Amino acid sequence: MLPSIVNRDIVLRDQVDHLTIVEFHKLLNAADRKLGTLQRSSIRNAYVRDRNKILMITMWATGGRVSDVLSIHESDIDFEEKTIKFFVSKRKKWHTISLDSDTTLRLSNYIRTWKIAGLLFQSVNGSKKAMVRQSVNYMLDDYAQIAGVRSIHPHLFRHGLATYLLSKGVPMEIIAYRLKHASTRTTAAFYARVTPEIERQLISASVPDILGMD
């Protein structure tokens, strides 16, 4: 299904800055590369690698603000229903969304491997203290350099998910729900813009042979 463009004025504006799916995978690979370059790959370093990868995956998969994602506890995940809930501080409300099978499995393996109890993303395994936003910023700066991509900040994950879902034809109402926007107008104001991927899908659906060679 192709994305519906809800307002022609909106699509002519500049698209919002966002993390691309390619950049996202490069950051995940950078976490593995970082561990490989350390002189001593200790258990603590392996934990940090796994925690950071799951953090980036959760930021992308949920589209949650970094402060809200950092507050998630392992008990907030329902593995049978494949859902995750977190407190949206901006709205002062709990929000429950679905998880895909791959993300659910990765979260399950992470929790089981590192015996995570309480906060999902602890500053040090077993410390019971949550990572802070500054640590996430430092992590992303580090991985961006390793990956050879531009400087990345956490909110680009939220924008990236929304843009990616739109490019895949996910309805605006679903994107608005996932991001916990007050209305679809908020979502449209940010994300109902033409990107190269959306342009490609729309043109190829209407004009399979742009050169008219058939």
Protein backbone atom coordinates (compact mmCIF):
# COMPACT_ATOMS: atom_id res chain seq x y z
CA MET A 1 0.00 0.00 0.00
CA LEU A 2 1.33 3.40 -0.94
CA PRO A 3 1.52 6.26 1.59
CA SER A 4 -1.33 8.73 1.42
CA ILE A 5 -0.20 12.34 1.07
CA VAL A 6 -2.69 14.25 3.20
CA ASN A 7 -1.83 17.84 2.32
CA ARG A 8 -0.08 19.14 -0.78
CA ASP A 9 1.24 22.22 1.08
CA ILE A 10 2.97 19.98 3.61
CA VAL A 11 4.75 17.77 1.10
CA LEU A 12 6.42 20.76 -0.52
CA ARG A 13 8.20 21.72 2.68
CA ASP A 14 11.69 20.43 3.47
CA GLN A 15 11.59 16.94 4.92
CA VAL A 16 12.44 16.61 8.61
CA ASP A 17 15.96 15.45 9.46
CA HIS A 18 15.88 11.78 10.35
CA LEU A 19 18.00 8.67 10.80
CA THR A 20 17.86 6.48 7.71
CA ILE A 21 17.52 2.71 7.86
CA VAL A 22 21.02 2.42 6.38
CA GLU A 23 22.50 4.67 9.07
CA PHE A 24 20.63 2.70 11.73
CA HIS A 25 22.23 -0.58 10.64
CA LYS A 26 25.65 1.05 10.40
CA LEU A 27 25.34 2.18 14.02
CA LEU A 28 24.43 -1.36 15.11
CA ASN A 29 27.45 -2.72 13.25
CA ALA A 30 29.64 -0.05 14.88
CA ALA A 31 28.80 -1.49 18.31
CA ASP A 32 30.26 -4.85 17.25
CA ARG A 33 33.28 -3.18 15.68
CA LYS A 34 33.91 -1.17 18.84
CA LEU A 35 34.06 -4.33 20.95
CA GLY A 36 36.48 -5.89 18.45
CA THR A 37 38.91 -2.97 18.73
CA LEU A 38 39.13 -3.08 22.53
CA GLN A 39 42.37 -4.59 23.83
CA ARG A 40 40.49 -6.61 26.42
CA SER A 41 37.00 -7.78 25.55
CA SER A 42 35.77 -8.20 29.12
CA ILE A 43 32.34 -9.37 30.21
CA ARG A 44 31.50 -5.77 31.11
CA ASN A 45 32.41 -4.58 27.61
CA ALA A 46 30.30 -7.34 26.08
CA TYR A 47 27.37 -6.27 28.26
CA VAL A 48 27.79 -2.63 27.20
CA ARG A 49 27.85 -3.71 23.54
CA ASP A 50 24.66 -5.77 23.90
CA ARG A 51 22.91 -3.10 25.99
CA ASN A 52 23.74 -0.36 23.51
CA LYS A 53 22.56 -2.39 20.54
CA ILE A 54 19.26 -3.25 22.24
CA LEU A 55 18.85 0.39 23.26
CA MET A 56 19.23 1.56 19.66
CA ILE A 57 16.88 -1.18 18.47
CA THR A 58 14.27 -0.19 21.05
CA MET A 59 14.62 3.52 20.23
CA TRP A 60 14.06 2.72 16.56
CA ALA A 61 11.33 0.08 16.95
CA THR A 62 9.21 2.09 19.40
CA GLY A 63 9.88 5.61 18.13
CA GLY A 64 9.93 6.64 21.78
CA ARG A 65 11.73 9.68 23.14
CA VAL A 66 15.05 8.68 24.65
CA SER A 67 14.08 9.69 28.20
CA ASP A 68 10.97 7.51 27.98
CA VAL A 69 12.87 4.54 26.52
CA LEU A 70 15.48 4.75 29.30
CA SER A 71 12.72 4.40 31.89
CA ILE A 72 11.48 1.04 30.56
CA HIS A 73 11.65 -1.95 32.93
CA GLU A 74 11.89 -5.56 31.82
CA SER A 75 8.46 -6.13 33.37
CA ASP A 76 7.02 -3.61 30.89
CA ILE A 77 7.42 -6.15 28.09
CA ASP A 78 4.72 -8.76 27.50
CA PHE A 79 6.48 -11.49 25.54
CA GLU A 80 3.32 -13.52 24.97
CA GLU A 81 1.35 -10.60 23.55
CA LYS A 82 4.47 -9.06 21.95
CA THR A 83 3.83 -5.61 23.40
CA ILE A 84 5.86 -3.05 25.30
CA LYS A 85 4.63 -0.21 27.48
CA PHE A 86 6.40 2.91 28.64
CA PHE A 87 5.48 6.13 30.38
CA VAL A 88 5.30 9.06 27.98
CA SER A 89 6.48 11.89 30.21
CA LYS A 90 5.30 14.59 27.79
CA ARG A 91 1.72 13.26 27.92
CA LYS A 92 1.85 11.96 31.51
CA LYS A 93 0.35 8.70 30.28
CA TRP A 94 1.33 5.09 29.82
CA HIS A 95 1.52 3.93 26.23
CA THR A 96 1.41 0.34 24.96
CA ILE A 97 2.47 -0.60 21.44
CA SER A 98 3.13 -3.79 19.52
CA LEU A 99 6.54 -5.36 19.00
CA ASP A 100 7.60 -7.28 15.92
CA SER A 101 8.85 -10.84 16.38
CA ASP A 102 12.52 -10.01 15.74
CA THR A 103 12.63 -7.17 18.28
CA THR A 104 10.77 -9.32 20.83
CA LEU A 105 13.30 -12.14 20.41
CA ARG A 106 16.27 -9.79 20.72
CA LEU A 107 14.87 -8.25 23.90
CA SER A 108 14.18 -11.71 25.34
CA ASN A 109 17.73 -12.90 24.59
CA TYR A 110 19.24 -9.73 26.09
CA ILE A 111 17.22 -10.05 29.31
CA ARG A 112 17.94 -13.76 29.65
CA THR A 113 21.65 -13.50 28.81
CA TRP A 114 22.38 -10.66 31.22
CA LYS A 115 19.74 -11.59 33.83
CA ILE A 116 18.19 -8.15 33.59
CA ALA A 117 15.81 -7.28 36.43
CA GLY A 118 14.24 -3.87 36.83
CA LEU A 119 15.42 -1.18 34.45
CA LEU A 120 16.11 -2.47 30.96
CA PHE A 121 19.07 -0.16 30.29
CA GLN A 122 21.28 0.03 33.38
CA SER A 123 24.41 2.14 33.59
CA VAL A 124 26.36 -0.97 34.63
CA ASN A 125 24.88 -4.44 34.63
CA GLY A 126 23.20 -5.06 37.98
CA SER A 127 23.65 -1.46 39.20
CA LYS A 128 19.87 -0.79 39.12
CA LYS A 129 20.65 2.75 37.92
CA ALA A 130 19.37 3.86 34.54
CA MET A 131 21.60 5.15 31.79
CA VAL A 132 21.40 8.92 31.43
CA ARG A 133 20.75 10.85 28.23
CA GLN A 134 24.31 12.21 28.18
CA SER A 135 25.64 8.66 28.01
CA VAL A 136 23.40 7.94 25.03
CA ASN A 137 24.65 11.08 23.27
CA TYR A 138 28.26 10.03 23.88
CA MET A 139 27.52 6.49 22.67
CA LEU A 140 25.96 7.73 19.43
CA ASP A 141 28.84 10.15 18.79
CA ASP A 142 31.29 7.30 19.26
CA TYR A 143 29.43 4.87 17.01
CA ALA A 144 28.83 7.52 14.34
CA GLN A 145 32.58 8.10 14.08
CA ILE A 146 33.26 4.36 13.86
CA ALA A 147 30.52 3.94 11.24
CA GLY A 148 31.69 6.93 9.23
CA VAL A 149 28.31 8.66 9.33
CA ARG A 150 27.27 12.16 10.34
CA SER A 151 26.69 13.20 13.93
CA ILE A 152 23.58 11.49 15.29
CA HIS A 153 21.38 12.52 18.20
CA PRO A 154 18.67 10.36 19.83
CA HIS A 155 15.63 12.19 18.44
CA LEU A 156 16.69 11.29 14.90
CA PHE A 157 15.66 7.70 15.72
CA ARG A 158 12.08 8.86 16.37
CA HIS A 159 12.00 10.87 13.16
CA GLY A 160 13.67 7.98 11.33
CA LEU A 161 11.05 5.42 12.33
CA ALA A 162 8.18 7.70 11.34
CA THR A 163 9.71 8.48 7.95
CA TYR A 164 10.54 4.81 7.34
CA LEU A 165 6.99 3.66 8.20
CA LEU A 166 5.52 6.35 5.95
CA SER A 167 7.76 5.23 3.08
CA LYS A 168 6.42 1.69 3.53
CA GLY A 169 2.82 2.84 3.28
CA VAL A 170 1.84 2.64 6.96
CA PRO A 171 -1.24 4.86 7.48
CA MET A 172 -0.73 8.18 9.24
CA GLU A 173 -3.14 7.15 12.01
CA ILE A 174 -0.94 4.18 12.93
CA ILE A 175 2.23 6.27 12.93
CA ALA A 176 0.49 8.90 15.10
CA TYR A 177 -0.55 6.19 17.57
CA ARG A 178 2.92 4.68 17.77
CA LEU A 179 4.53 8.07 18.41
CA LYS A 180 1.76 9.01 20.87
CA HIS A 181 0.91 12.21 19.02
CA ALA A 182 -2.17 14.14 20.11
CA SER A 183 -3.59 13.93 16.58
CA THR A 184 -2.69 12.92 13.05
CA ARG A 185 -2.23 16.60 12.24
CA THR A 186 0.87 16.64 14.44
CA THR A 187 2.23 13.61 12.60
CA ALA A 188 1.42 15.05 9.19
CA ALA A 189 3.04 18.38 10.02
CA PHE A 190 6.34 16.58 10.63
CA TYR A 191 6.36 13.59 8.33
CA ALA A 192 3.94 13.91 5.38
CA ARG A 193 6.75 14.89 3.06
CA VAL A 194 8.08 13.41 -0.11
CA THR A 195 11.31 11.46 0.29
CA PRO A 196 13.21 9.76 -2.56
CA GLU A 197 11.80 6.38 -1.47
CA ILE A 198 8.21 7.64 -1.41
CA GLU A 199 8.74 9.35 -4.76
CA ARG A 200 10.11 6.09 -6.22
CA GLN A 201 7.13 4.06 -5.02
CA LEU A 202 4.53 6.53 -6.26
CA ILE A 203 6.12 6.98 -9.67
CA SER A 204 6.83 3.28 -10.26
CA ALA A 205 3.23 2.41 -9.33
CA SER A 206 1.83 4.91 -11.82
CA VAL A 207 4.55 4.89 -14.49
CA PRO A 208 6.45 1.57 -14.48
CA ASP A 209 8.44 2.61 -17.57
CA ILE A 210 9.41 6.27 -17.20
CA LEU A 211 11.32 6.17 -20.51
CA GLY A 212 8.26 4.90 -22.36
CA MET A 213 10.25 2.10 -23.98
CA ASP A 214 7.54 -0.58 -23.69
